Amino acid sequence: MQRIGVAAAVSFLGGVIQVAMFVLQLGSATFLLTEPVISAMTTGAATHVVTSQVKYLLGMKIPYISGPLTFFYIYAYVFENIKSVRLEALLLSLLSITVLVLVKELNEQFKRKIKVVLPVDLVLIIASSFACYCTSMEKTYGLEVVGHIPKGIPPPRAPPMHVLSAVITEAFGVALVGYVASLALAQGSAKKFKYSVDDNQELLAHGLSNVIPSFFFCIPSAAAMGRTAVLYSTRAKTQVACLISCIFVLLVIYAIGPLLYWLPMCVLASIIVVGLKGMLIQFRDLKKYWNVDKIDWGIWVSTYVFTICFAANVGLLFGVVCTIAIMIARFPRAKTLSIKNIKEMEFKVKTEVDGETLKQVKIVSINNPLVFLNVKKFHTDLINIIQKENASNLLLDDISKCEQNTLLSPLSNGNCSEEASQPCQNEKCSLILDCSGLTFFDYSGVSMLVEVYMDCKNQSVDVSLAHCTASLIKAMKYHGNLDSEKPIFFESVSAAISNIHSNKNLSKLSDHSEV
């Protein structure tokens, strides 16, 4: 009970810290948490969790070890005492992991053909508990089982406040790491399903989710990649899915919990390890970081090393500081270019192609490096420029809706998002991004450019990029599924407009042939 009380105190203080961060509106500082840093930190945290389950997977006793380099000390102890491994626990762990991975992969492969996904975790828990009960594995083979689970929820009472000063470091780590890991999953979901996330609101939600349950002696909570993946596979879209999950959890607490007495700890550890698969396979991100930006690759590796050597919060802090230091060093080398006036650029190319084509084209010049620090600003500026041009066009010419091309518009909630509005019925709209001022970029910048391209493509808006460096072209081709049927990279803005003009003529010729 003393250990549970300490965990509840960490949950309470971590929640208070998150609520305080919400009051101070520190959610806006999350732009410092780049994708490589979050990926490396969550992978390192998952590695720590796997390490904590090694003693159950191998069925051996490991003394409590804490402090820096704990990760290495634990595995050093395991290899020094390898003879004390219980073969029965090891075999059962390997069998459980194999079954879980195999069935989950089959569920993923055939999820479109089968209506009900097999809950292999639940089946394995029931089967292993029943087998352990029937064969008395606890006494026969010395397997460690979960043991007695109290029924119901304890009455609410305050967590032990006298230990708060002793756990403030752990509480900060829980608050930061839990929030960052949850925010990474939330932003991934938002990107996948085209909605926006309020970073400050997430802080308030997670803070209250830790403060209130701490009075029922609950441990700190955060989003889980495994559960998120399950929700994806079941096509859940609202919080009703979470409400149903809560009902089942209450059912387990009040009715089924005591029946789990015979569940082998090695099977439970196997379920936890397989549940972390989504985080562990982030090692595959190293290849794309190497191909897109080698500095991001170095940040990922160093953040991961600091995370496993010390702790997740230390790795996170190192990753953020390292990223800021590198950006401060890189920005002074950026060239300063004058902002090109869109109307002047249109006037220059009017002599080469007819003015009707230009009415279908928007030309936007990128005049700064595109990195994690300014991708959101780039997002917003691009929307504002196009909306401003569209507004002036609407005032000058109200003859035909098809001549008033709105390429991009924000979502109705006003947050930064990029979606093309309904294109003209008779003519395709086009957007040209002049990348002559884009002197360098990182993974976040490439991701934003690819996102712009894909969003416009989905809305039948042609996107062309002019004055791109060879490294930018290579990074974008590697990162995203760009259209290989028609060119999108051009040596100059004039070449891009000429290509749009020729495509327009071909389209008219095709329409005439069909008639």
Protein backbone atom coordinates (compact mmCIF):
# COMPACT_ATOMS: atom_id res chain seq x y z
CA MET A 1 0.00 0.00 0.00
CA GLN A 2 2.93 2.31 0.64
CA ARG A 3 4.17 1.80 -2.94
CA ILE A 4 0.68 2.41 -4.31
CA GLY A 5 0.48 5.58 -2.21
CA VAL A 6 3.76 6.86 -3.69
CA ALA A 7 2.46 6.13 -7.21
CA ALA A 8 -0.75 8.02 -6.41
CA ALA A 9 1.29 10.97 -5.13
CA VAL A 10 3.29 11.03 -8.39
CA SER A 11 0.02 10.93 -10.34
CA PHE A 12 -1.42 13.82 -8.30
CA LEU A 13 1.66 16.04 -8.55
CA GLY A 14 2.17 15.23 -12.25
CA GLY A 15 -1.45 16.23 -12.92
CA VAL A 16 -1.02 19.48 -10.99
CA ILE A 17 2.08 20.28 -13.09
CA GLN A 18 0.14 19.65 -16.31
CA VAL A 19 -2.75 21.86 -15.17
CA ALA A 20 -0.24 24.60 -14.23
CA MET A 21 1.29 24.31 -17.72
CA PHE A 22 -2.21 24.76 -19.15
CA VAL A 23 -2.77 27.90 -17.08
CA LEU A 24 0.55 29.29 -18.33
CA GLN A 25 -0.42 28.34 -21.92
CA LEU A 26 2.79 26.35 -22.36
CA GLY A 27 1.14 24.12 -24.94
CA SER A 28 2.19 26.67 -27.57
CA ALA A 29 5.82 25.68 -26.91
CA THR A 30 5.27 22.20 -28.33
CA PHE A 31 6.69 23.32 -31.70
CA LEU A 32 10.09 22.70 -30.05
CA LEU A 33 9.21 19.00 -29.86
CA THR A 34 10.24 17.90 -33.33
CA GLU A 35 9.23 14.57 -34.82
CA PRO A 36 12.74 13.01 -34.48
CA VAL A 37 12.92 13.99 -30.80
CA ILE A 38 9.47 12.58 -29.99
CA SER A 39 10.12 9.41 -31.98
CA ALA A 40 13.48 8.80 -30.26
CA MET A 41 12.14 9.58 -26.78
CA THR A 42 9.09 7.31 -27.09
CA THR A 43 11.25 4.52 -28.53
CA GLY A 44 13.67 4.87 -25.63
CA ALA A 45 10.79 4.88 -23.12
CA ALA A 46 9.41 1.71 -24.74
CA THR A 47 12.88 0.14 -24.44
CA HIS A 48 12.87 0.91 -20.70
CA VAL A 49 9.44 -0.72 -20.31
CA VAL A 50 10.61 -3.86 -22.13
CA THR A 51 13.66 -3.96 -19.84
CA SER A 52 11.39 -3.76 -16.78
CA GLN A 53 9.55 -6.88 -18.01
CA VAL A 54 12.68 -8.97 -18.62
CA LYS A 55 12.59 -10.51 -15.13
CA TYR A 56 9.06 -11.81 -15.74
CA LEU A 57 9.81 -13.02 -19.28
CA LEU A 58 12.78 -15.03 -18.00
CA GLY A 59 11.20 -16.03 -14.67
CA MET A 60 14.18 -14.82 -12.62
CA LYS A 61 14.61 -12.58 -9.61
CA ILE A 62 16.36 -9.26 -10.28
CA PRO A 63 17.15 -6.85 -7.43
CA TYR A 64 15.81 -3.30 -7.68
CA ILE A 65 18.26 -1.13 -9.63
CA SER A 66 17.84 2.61 -10.21
CA GLY A 67 19.84 5.63 -11.30
CA PRO A 68 21.88 6.41 -14.44
CA LEU A 69 22.81 3.48 -16.71
CA THR A 70 20.18 1.27 -15.07
CA PHE A 71 19.43 -0.19 -18.51
CA PHE A 72 22.96 -1.62 -18.80
CA TYR A 73 23.19 -2.77 -15.17
CA ILE A 74 20.01 -4.82 -15.51
CA TYR A 75 21.20 -6.67 -18.60
CA ALA A 76 24.65 -7.13 -17.07
CA TYR A 77 22.98 -8.81 -14.06
CA VAL A 78 20.86 -11.00 -16.36
CA PHE A 79 23.92 -12.28 -18.26
CA GLU A 80 25.86 -12.84 -15.04
CA ASN A 81 22.99 -14.94 -13.64
CA ILE A 82 21.84 -16.55 -16.86
CA LYS A 83 21.72 -19.97 -15.19
CA SER A 84 18.89 -18.85 -12.92
CA VAL A 85 16.50 -18.38 -15.88
CA ARG A 86 13.42 -20.61 -15.61
CA LEU A 87 13.11 -22.54 -18.86
CA GLU A 88 9.33 -22.96 -18.43
CA ALA A 89 8.77 -19.19 -18.13
CA LEU A 90 11.05 -18.50 -21.10
CA LEU A 91 9.27 -21.02 -23.34
CA LEU A 92 5.81 -19.77 -22.32
CA SER A 93 6.93 -16.18 -22.97
CA LEU A 94 8.27 -17.05 -26.44
CA LEU A 95 5.07 -18.96 -27.26
CA SER A 96 2.87 -16.09 -26.08
CA ILE A 97 4.83 -13.46 -28.03
CA THR A 98 4.76 -15.61 -31.18
CA VAL A 99 1.00 -16.15 -30.97
CA LEU A 100 0.30 -12.47 -30.25
CA VAL A 101 2.47 -11.15 -33.09
CA LEU A 102 1.21 -13.72 -35.59
CA VAL A 103 -2.50 -13.20 -34.86
CA LYS A 104 -2.17 -9.39 -34.75
CA GLU A 105 -0.42 -9.43 -38.14
CA LEU A 106 -3.17 -11.64 -39.58
CA ASN A 107 -5.81 -9.30 -38.15
CA GLU A 108 -4.05 -6.39 -39.81
CA GLN A 109 -3.72 -8.18 -43.15
CA PHE A 110 -7.35 -9.30 -43.34
CA LYS A 111 -9.06 -6.47 -41.42
CA ARG A 112 -11.01 -5.46 -44.54
CA LYS A 113 -12.33 -8.96 -45.11
CA ILE A 114 -13.28 -9.89 -41.54
CA LYS A 115 -15.99 -8.00 -39.66
CA VAL A 116 -14.83 -8.92 -36.13
CA VAL A 117 -11.17 -8.68 -35.11
CA LEU A 118 -10.02 -11.58 -32.90
CA PRO A 119 -9.17 -10.20 -29.40
CA VAL A 120 -6.09 -12.39 -29.10
CA ASP A 121 -4.91 -10.68 -25.87
CA LEU A 122 -8.15 -11.59 -24.11
CA VAL A 123 -8.13 -15.14 -25.49
CA LEU A 124 -4.52 -15.63 -24.35
CA ILE A 125 -5.29 -14.33 -20.85
CA ILE A 126 -8.23 -16.71 -20.46
CA ALA A 127 -6.40 -19.70 -21.97
CA SER A 128 -3.19 -19.25 -19.95
CA SER A 129 -5.08 -18.62 -16.68
CA PHE A 130 -7.19 -21.74 -17.21
CA ALA A 131 -4.15 -23.86 -18.11
CA CYS A 132 -2.22 -22.59 -15.09
CA TYR A 133 -5.18 -23.37 -12.81
CA CYS A 134 -5.67 -26.90 -14.18
CA THR A 135 -1.98 -27.88 -14.11
CA SER A 136 -0.98 -25.95 -10.96
CA MET A 137 1.96 -24.35 -12.77
CA GLU A 138 2.61 -22.10 -9.80
CA LYS A 139 3.51 -25.07 -7.59
CA THR A 140 4.70 -27.54 -10.23
CA TYR A 141 7.02 -25.30 -12.23
CA GLY A 142 7.41 -22.36 -9.86
CA LEU A 143 5.86 -19.87 -12.30
CA GLU A 144 4.99 -16.51 -10.79
CA VAL A 145 1.30 -15.59 -11.12
CA VAL A 146 -0.57 -12.29 -10.74
CA GLY A 147 -2.10 -13.38 -7.45
CA HIS A 148 -4.95 -11.81 -5.52
CA ILE A 149 -6.62 -8.81 -7.15
CA PRO A 150 -8.87 -6.72 -4.85
CA LYS A 151 -12.45 -6.37 -6.07
CA GLY A 152 -13.98 -2.96 -6.74
CA ILE A 153 -12.67 0.62 -6.51
CA PRO A 154 -11.25 1.86 -3.18
CA PRO A 155 -13.08 4.74 -1.47
CA PRO A 156 -11.66 8.16 -2.41
CA ARG A 157 -9.05 9.68 -0.11
CA ALA A 158 -6.18 12.08 -0.55
CA PRO A 159 -2.84 10.63 -1.67
CA PRO A 160 0.01 10.90 0.87
CA MET A 161 1.02 14.56 0.64
CA HIS A 162 4.11 14.16 2.82
CA VAL A 163 5.96 12.37 -0.01
CA LEU A 164 5.33 15.05 -2.65
CA SER A 165 8.66 16.78 -2.05
CA ALA A 166 10.47 13.47 -2.49
CA VAL A 167 8.83 12.62 -5.83
CA ILE A 168 8.85 16.03 -7.53
CA THR A 169 11.52 14.94 -10.03
CA GLU A 170 9.56 11.82 -10.98
CA ALA A 171 6.36 13.87 -11.22
CA PHE A 172 7.97 16.29 -13.69
CA GLY A 173 9.17 13.35 -15.77
CA VAL A 174 5.72 11.75 -15.75
CA ALA A 175 4.03 15.05 -16.64
CA LEU A 176 6.34 15.85 -19.55
CA VAL A 177 6.86 12.38 -21.00
CA GLY A 178 3.21 11.37 -20.63
CA TYR A 179 2.03 14.57 -22.28
CA VAL A 180 4.54 14.41 -25.13
CA ALA A 181 3.83 10.76 -25.91
CA SER A 182 0.07 11.41 -25.84
CA LEU A 183 0.39 14.56 -27.95
CA ALA A 184 2.44 12.69 -30.55
CA LEU A 185 -0.36 10.13 -30.92
CA ALA A 186 -3.00 12.89 -30.98
CA GLN A 187 -1.18 14.81 -33.71
CA GLY A 188 -0.71 11.62 -35.71
CA SER A 189 -4.44 10.93 -35.50
CA ALA A 190 -5.24 14.55 -36.41
CA LYS A 191 -3.03 14.33 -39.48
CA LYS A 192 -4.57 11.01 -40.52
CA PHE A 193 -8.20 12.05 -40.09
CA LYS A 194 -7.88 15.74 -41.03
CA TYR A 195 -8.74 17.57 -37.82
CA SER A 196 -6.82 19.86 -35.48
CA VAL A 197 -5.50 19.45 -31.94
CA ASP A 198 -5.44 22.18 -29.28
CA ASP A 199 -2.14 21.62 -27.45
CA ASN A 200 -3.25 23.57 -24.36
CA GLN A 201 -6.54 21.72 -24.12
CA GLU A 202 -4.61 18.45 -24.16
CA LEU A 203 -2.61 19.66 -21.16
CA LEU A 204 -5.81 20.38 -19.20
CA ALA A 205 -7.34 17.04 -20.16
CA HIS A 206 -4.29 15.01 -19.12
CA GLY A 207 -3.82 17.05 -15.97
CA LEU A 208 -7.38 16.40 -14.74
CA SER A 209 -7.06 12.75 -15.81
CA ASN A 210 -4.17 12.42 -13.36
CA VAL A 211 -5.33 14.65 -10.49
CA ILE A 212 -8.84 13.23 -10.03
CA PRO A 213 -7.96 9.48 -10.27
CA SER A 214 -5.07 9.97 -7.81
CA PHE A 215 -7.70 10.22 -5.04
CA PHE A 216 -8.68 6.65 -5.96
CA PHE A 217 -4.98 5.64 -5.83
CA CYS A 218 -4.59 5.28 -9.60
CA ILE A 219 -1.21 5.38 -11.31
CA PRO A 220 -0.36 8.15 -13.83
CA SER A 221 -2.10 7.78 -17.19
CA ALA A 222 -1.26 8.66 -20.77
CA ALA A 223 -2.24 7.63 -24.28
CA ALA A 224 -1.07 4.21 -25.46
CA MET A 225 0.04 3.40 -28.98
CA GLY A 226 -1.34 -0.15 -28.74
CA ARG A 227 -4.84 0.99 -27.75
CA THR A 228 -4.74 3.71 -30.40
CA ALA A 229 -3.89 1.11 -33.05
CA VAL A 230 -6.78 -1.07 -31.85
CA LEU A 231 -9.17 1.88 -32.18
CA TYR A 232 -7.88 2.49 -35.71
CA SER A 233 -8.53 -1.14 -36.64
CA THR A 234 -12.08 -1.05 -35.26
CA ARG A 235 -12.79 2.20 -37.15
CA ALA A 236 -13.70 4.03 -33.94
CA LYS A 237 -14.17 7.77 -34.48
CA THR A 238 -15.67 9.22 -31.29
CA GLN A 239 -15.19 9.03 -27.53
CA VAL A 240 -18.08 6.58 -27.30
CA ALA A 241 -15.49 3.88 -28.04
CA CYS A 242 -13.55 4.94 -24.92
CA LEU A 243 -16.77 4.95 -22.89
CA ILE A 244 -17.44 1.33 -23.91
CA SER A 245 -13.85 0.41 -22.95
CA CYS A 246 -14.37 2.02 -19.52
CA ILE A 247 -17.53 -0.04 -18.98
CA PHE A 248 -15.60 -3.24 -19.69
CA VAL A 249 -12.79 -2.15 -17.36
CA LEU A 250 -15.33 -1.60 -14.57
CA LEU A 251 -16.77 -5.03 -15.32
CA VAL A 252 -13.31 -6.55 -14.90
CA ILE A 253 -12.68 -4.62 -11.66
CA TYR A 254 -15.95 -5.64 -10.04
CA ALA A 255 -16.50 -9.15 -11.41
CA ILE A 256 -13.70 -10.70 -13.47
CA GLY A 257 -10.62 -9.40 -11.62
CA PRO A 258 -10.44 -12.15 -8.98
CA LEU A 259 -10.52 -14.78 -11.74
CA LEU A 260 -7.16 -13.50 -13.02
CA TYR A 261 -5.36 -14.86 -9.95
CA TRP A 262 -3.81 -17.67 -12.04
CA LEU A 263 -2.58 -15.51 -14.90
CA PRO A 264 1.19 -16.19 -15.32
CA MET A 265 3.29 -13.03 -15.03
CA CYS A 266 5.37 -14.10 -18.04
CA VAL A 267 2.20 -14.07 -20.20
CA LEU A 268 1.22 -10.64 -18.88
CA ALA A 269 4.74 -9.37 -19.61
CA SER A 270 4.51 -10.79 -23.15
CA ILE A 271 1.26 -8.87 -23.74
CA ILE A 272 2.91 -5.66 -22.53
CA VAL A 273 5.98 -6.15 -24.76
CA VAL A 274 3.91 -6.91 -27.87
CA GLY A 275 1.72 -3.90 -27.08
CA LEU A 276 4.86 -1.73 -27.39
CA LYS A 277 5.57 -3.02 -30.89
CA GLY A 278 4.29 0.20 -32.47
CA MET A 279 6.86 2.24 -30.54
CA LEU A 280 9.73 -0.19 -30.97
CA ILE A 281 9.41 -0.37 -34.76
CA GLN A 282 10.11 3.38 -34.86
CA PHE A 283 13.72 2.25 -35.32
CA ARG A 284 12.74 2.05 -38.97
CA ASP A 285 12.48 5.87 -38.97
CA LEU A 286 16.28 6.03 -38.94
CA LYS A 287 16.42 5.19 -42.64
CA LYS A 288 14.09 8.02 -43.68
CA TYR A 289 15.85 10.54 -41.43
CA TRP A 290 19.18 9.56 -42.98
CA ASN A 291 17.79 10.06 -46.49
CA VAL A 292 15.96 13.32 -45.73
CA ASP A 293 18.24 15.14 -43.25
CA LYS A 294 21.30 13.56 -41.62
CA ILE A 295 21.24 16.12 -38.81
CA ASP A 296 17.78 14.87 -37.79
CA TRP A 297 19.22 11.34 -37.90
CA GLY A 298 21.96 12.41 -35.48
CA ILE A 299 19.41 14.05 -33.16
CA TRP A 300 17.32 10.85 -33.14
CA VAL A 301 20.27 8.63 -32.24
CA SER A 302 21.63 10.94 -29.54
CA THR A 303 18.19 11.48 -27.97
CA TYR A 304 17.60 7.72 -27.88
CA VAL A 305 21.01 7.08 -26.29
CA PHE A 306 20.39 9.72 -23.59
CA THR A 307 16.93 8.26 -22.94
CA ILE A 308 18.14 4.70 -22.35
CA CYS A 309 21.21 5.83 -20.40
CA PHE A 310 19.35 8.14 -18.04
CA ALA A 311 15.57 8.58 -18.33
CA ALA A 312 12.89 9.63 -20.77
CA ASN A 313 12.65 13.17 -19.39
CA VAL A 314 16.44 13.61 -19.63
CA GLY A 315 16.41 12.35 -23.22
CA LEU A 316 13.55 14.68 -24.08
CA LEU A 317 15.33 17.69 -22.58
CA PHE A 318 18.56 16.81 -24.40
CA GLY A 319 16.73 16.42 -27.72
CA VAL A 320 15.04 19.82 -27.40
CA VAL A 321 18.26 21.62 -26.36
CA CYS A 322 20.23 19.89 -29.11
CA THR A 323 17.63 20.82 -31.74
CA ILE A 324 17.57 24.48 -30.68
CA ALA A 325 21.38 24.68 -30.65
CA ILE A 326 21.64 23.23 -34.15
CA MET A 327 19.01 25.62 -35.50
CA ILE A 328 20.77 28.62 -33.95
CA ALA A 329 23.94 27.48 -35.72
CA ARG A 330 22.21 26.92 -39.07
CA PHE A 331 20.03 30.02 -39.38
CA PRO A 332 22.85 32.59 -39.72
CA ARG A 333 24.02 30.76 -42.85
CA ALA A 334 20.66 31.29 -44.54
CA LYS A 335 20.54 33.72 -47.45
CA THR A 336 18.24 36.73 -47.13
CA LEU A 337 16.13 37.21 -50.24
CA SER A 338 13.68 39.98 -50.98
CA ILE A 339 10.05 38.94 -51.02
CA LYS A 340 8.79 38.61 -54.57
CA ASN A 341 5.57 40.36 -55.41
CA ILE A 342 3.13 37.90 -56.94
CA LYS A 343 1.58 40.48 -59.30
CA GLU A 344 5.01 41.56 -60.59
CA MET A 345 5.90 37.94 -61.26
CA GLU A 346 2.64 37.42 -63.13
CA PHE A 347 3.38 40.52 -65.22
CA LYS A 348 6.79 39.17 -66.19
CA VAL A 349 5.41 35.91 -67.57
CA LYS A 350 2.34 37.40 -69.25
CA THR A 351 4.36 37.98 -72.38
CA GLU A 352 5.12 34.26 -72.62
CA VAL A 353 1.65 32.79 -72.13
CA ASP A 354 -1.91 34.05 -72.38
CA GLY A 355 -3.48 35.89 -69.45
CA GLU A 356 -6.29 33.35 -69.15
CA THR A 357 -3.85 30.73 -67.92
CA LEU A 358 -2.52 33.10 -65.29
CA LYS A 359 -5.99 33.54 -63.84
CA GLN A 360 -5.88 29.86 -62.95
CA VAL A 361 -2.46 30.09 -61.21
CA LYS A 362 -1.28 31.27 -57.83
CA ILE A 363 2.46 31.80 -57.35
CA VAL A 364 3.87 31.81 -53.81
CA SER A 365 7.53 32.40 -53.04
CA ILE A 366 9.20 30.68 -50.07
CA ASN A 367 11.75 33.15 -48.73
CA ASN A 368 13.14 31.38 -45.65
CA PRO A 369 14.50 28.02 -44.57
CA LEU A 370 11.70 25.57 -43.80
CA VAL A 371 12.30 23.87 -40.45
CA PHE A 372 10.35 22.81 -37.39
CA LEU A 373 10.52 26.36 -35.99
CA ASN A 374 8.54 27.93 -38.82
CA VAL A 375 6.51 25.18 -40.54
CA LYS A 376 3.32 26.26 -38.79
CA LYS A 377 4.03 29.89 -39.69
CA PHE A 378 4.60 28.85 -43.30
CA HIS A 379 1.30 26.97 -43.16
CA THR A 380 -0.54 30.05 -41.91
CA ASP A 381 1.22 32.50 -44.25
CA LEU A 382 0.43 30.39 -47.30
CA ILE A 383 -3.25 30.36 -46.41
CA ASN A 384 -3.30 34.12 -45.72
CA ILE A 385 -1.54 35.01 -48.98
CA ILE A 386 -3.92 32.95 -51.07
CA GLN A 387 -7.00 34.15 -49.20
CA LYS A 388 -5.89 37.77 -49.63
CA GLU A 389 -5.41 37.30 -53.36
CA ASN A 390 -8.76 35.57 -53.66
CA ALA A 391 -10.50 38.37 -51.77
CA SER A 392 -9.06 41.01 -54.13
CA ASN A 393 -10.04 38.93 -57.14
CA LEU A 394 -13.58 38.58 -55.84
CA LEU A 395 -13.90 42.35 -55.52
CA LEU A 396 -12.53 43.01 -59.00
CA ASP A 397 -14.32 40.31 -60.91
CA ASP A 398 -17.69 38.81 -60.00
CA ILE A 399 -18.69 37.53 -63.42
CA SER A 400 -18.06 33.80 -63.05
CA LYS A 401 -17.31 31.66 -60.02
CA CYS A 402 -14.99 29.55 -62.09
CA GLU A 403 -12.70 32.55 -62.62
CA GLN A 404 -12.37 33.11 -58.86
CA ASN A 405 -10.06 30.31 -57.83
CA THR A 406 -9.71 29.60 -54.13
CA LEU A 407 -6.90 27.10 -53.81
CA LEU A 408 -6.53 26.68 -50.09
CA SER A 409 -8.82 27.40 -47.17
CA PRO A 410 -8.59 26.69 -43.43
CA LEU A 411 -10.97 24.39 -41.65
CA SER A 412 -14.09 25.84 -40.12
CA ASN A 413 -12.60 25.90 -36.63
CA GLY A 414 -10.01 28.47 -37.68
CA ASN A 415 -6.94 26.41 -36.86
CA CYS A 416 -3.99 26.06 -39.19
CA SER A 417 -4.90 23.49 -41.78
CA GLU A 418 -4.51 23.28 -45.48
CA GLU A 419 -7.25 22.06 -47.74
CA ALA A 420 -8.11 23.10 -51.21
CA SER A 421 -11.61 24.39 -51.66
CA GLN A 422 -13.81 23.18 -54.45
CA PRO A 423 -11.95 23.74 -57.70
CA CYS A 424 -13.45 25.18 -60.82
CA GLN A 425 -15.73 22.86 -62.65
CA ASN A 426 -14.34 23.72 -66.07
CA GLU A 427 -10.71 24.50 -65.30
CA LYS A 428 -8.14 23.06 -62.93
CA CYS A 429 -6.56 25.47 -60.49
CA SER A 430 -2.79 25.49 -60.02
CA LEU A 431 -0.38 26.50 -57.30
CA ILE A 432 3.31 27.23 -57.94
CA LEU A 433 5.72 27.30 -54.99
CA ASP A 434 8.93 29.18 -55.78
CA CYS A 435 11.60 27.50 -53.60
CA SER A 436 14.48 29.79 -54.58
CA GLY A 437 14.61 31.19 -51.03
CA LEU A 438 14.47 27.77 -49.36
CA THR A 439 18.17 27.52 -48.49
CA PHE A 440 17.87 24.54 -46.14
CA PHE A 441 15.20 22.37 -44.55
CA ASP A 442 14.68 19.55 -42.07
CA TYR A 443 12.33 16.59 -41.85
CA SER A 444 9.45 18.74 -40.55
CA GLY A 445 9.83 21.13 -43.50
CA VAL A 446 9.78 18.32 -46.05
CA SER A 447 6.75 16.79 -44.32
CA MET A 448 4.90 20.11 -44.61
CA LEU A 449 5.68 20.48 -48.32
CA VAL A 450 4.52 16.92 -49.01
CA GLU A 451 1.38 17.56 -46.94
CA VAL A 452 0.64 20.69 -48.99
CA TYR A 453 1.09 18.72 -52.19
CA MET A 454 -1.13 15.81 -51.08
CA ASP A 455 -3.90 18.07 -49.74
CA CYS A 456 -4.00 20.03 -52.98
CA LYS A 457 -3.92 16.87 -55.07
CA ASN A 458 -6.90 15.46 -53.17
CA GLN A 459 -8.81 18.63 -54.06
CA SER A 460 -7.82 18.53 -57.77
CA VAL A 461 -5.34 21.37 -57.45
CA ASP A 462 -2.09 20.99 -59.39
CA VAL A 463 1.02 21.91 -57.41
CA SER A 464 4.36 22.75 -59.03
CA LEU A 465 7.66 23.54 -57.33
CA ALA A 466 10.23 25.77 -59.00
CA HIS A 467 13.93 26.42 -58.28
CA CYS A 468 14.25 23.29 -56.10
CA THR A 469 17.68 22.04 -55.04
CA ALA A 470 18.64 18.44 -55.80
CA SER A 471 18.57 17.58 -52.08
CA LEU A 472 15.01 18.92 -51.71
CA ILE A 473 13.80 16.94 -54.72
CA LYS A 474 15.42 13.76 -53.39
CA ALA A 475 13.98 14.27 -49.89
CA MET A 476 10.43 14.92 -51.14
CA LYS A 477 10.49 11.94 -53.49
CA TYR A 478 11.70 9.70 -50.69
CA HIS A 479 9.27 11.03 -48.08
CA GLY A 480 5.97 11.03 -49.96
CA ASN A 481 4.08 9.26 -52.71
CA LEU A 482 4.41 12.01 -55.27
CA ASP A 483 2.77 11.80 -58.66
CA SER A 484 5.20 10.06 -61.00
CA GLU A 485 3.03 10.46 -64.11
CA LYS A 486 3.56 14.20 -64.52
CA PRO A 487 6.44 16.48 -63.52
CA ILE A 488 6.08 18.69 -60.45
CA PHE A 489 9.65 20.03 -60.17
CA PHE A 490 10.76 22.78 -62.60
CA GLU A 491 13.88 24.87 -63.12
CA SER A 492 11.95 28.15 -63.08
CA VAL A 493 8.52 29.65 -62.53
CA SER A 494 8.23 30.34 -66.26
CA ALA A 495 8.83 26.66 -67.03
CA ALA A 496 6.12 25.67 -64.54
CA ILE A 497 3.60 28.09 -66.10
CA SER A 498 4.48 26.90 -69.60
CA ASN A 499 3.83 23.32 -68.48
CA ILE A 500 0.44 24.35 -67.04
CA HIS A 501 -0.35 26.12 -70.34
CA SER A 502 0.54 23.06 -72.43
CA ASN A 503 -1.49 20.76 -70.17
CA LYS A 504 -4.44 23.13 -70.50
CA ASN A 505 -4.26 23.00 -74.30
CA LEU A 506 -4.05 19.20 -74.24
CA SER A 507 -7.07 19.08 -71.95
CA LYS A 508 -9.08 21.28 -74.31
CA LEU A 509 -8.05 19.12 -77.28
CA SER A 510 -9.12 16.00 -75.39
CA ASP A 511 -12.50 17.52 -74.52
CA HIS A 512 -13.04 18.53 -78.17
CA SER A 513 -12.20 15.01 -79.36
CA GLU A 514 -14.72 13.53 -76.92
CA VAL A 515 -17.44 15.85 -78.22
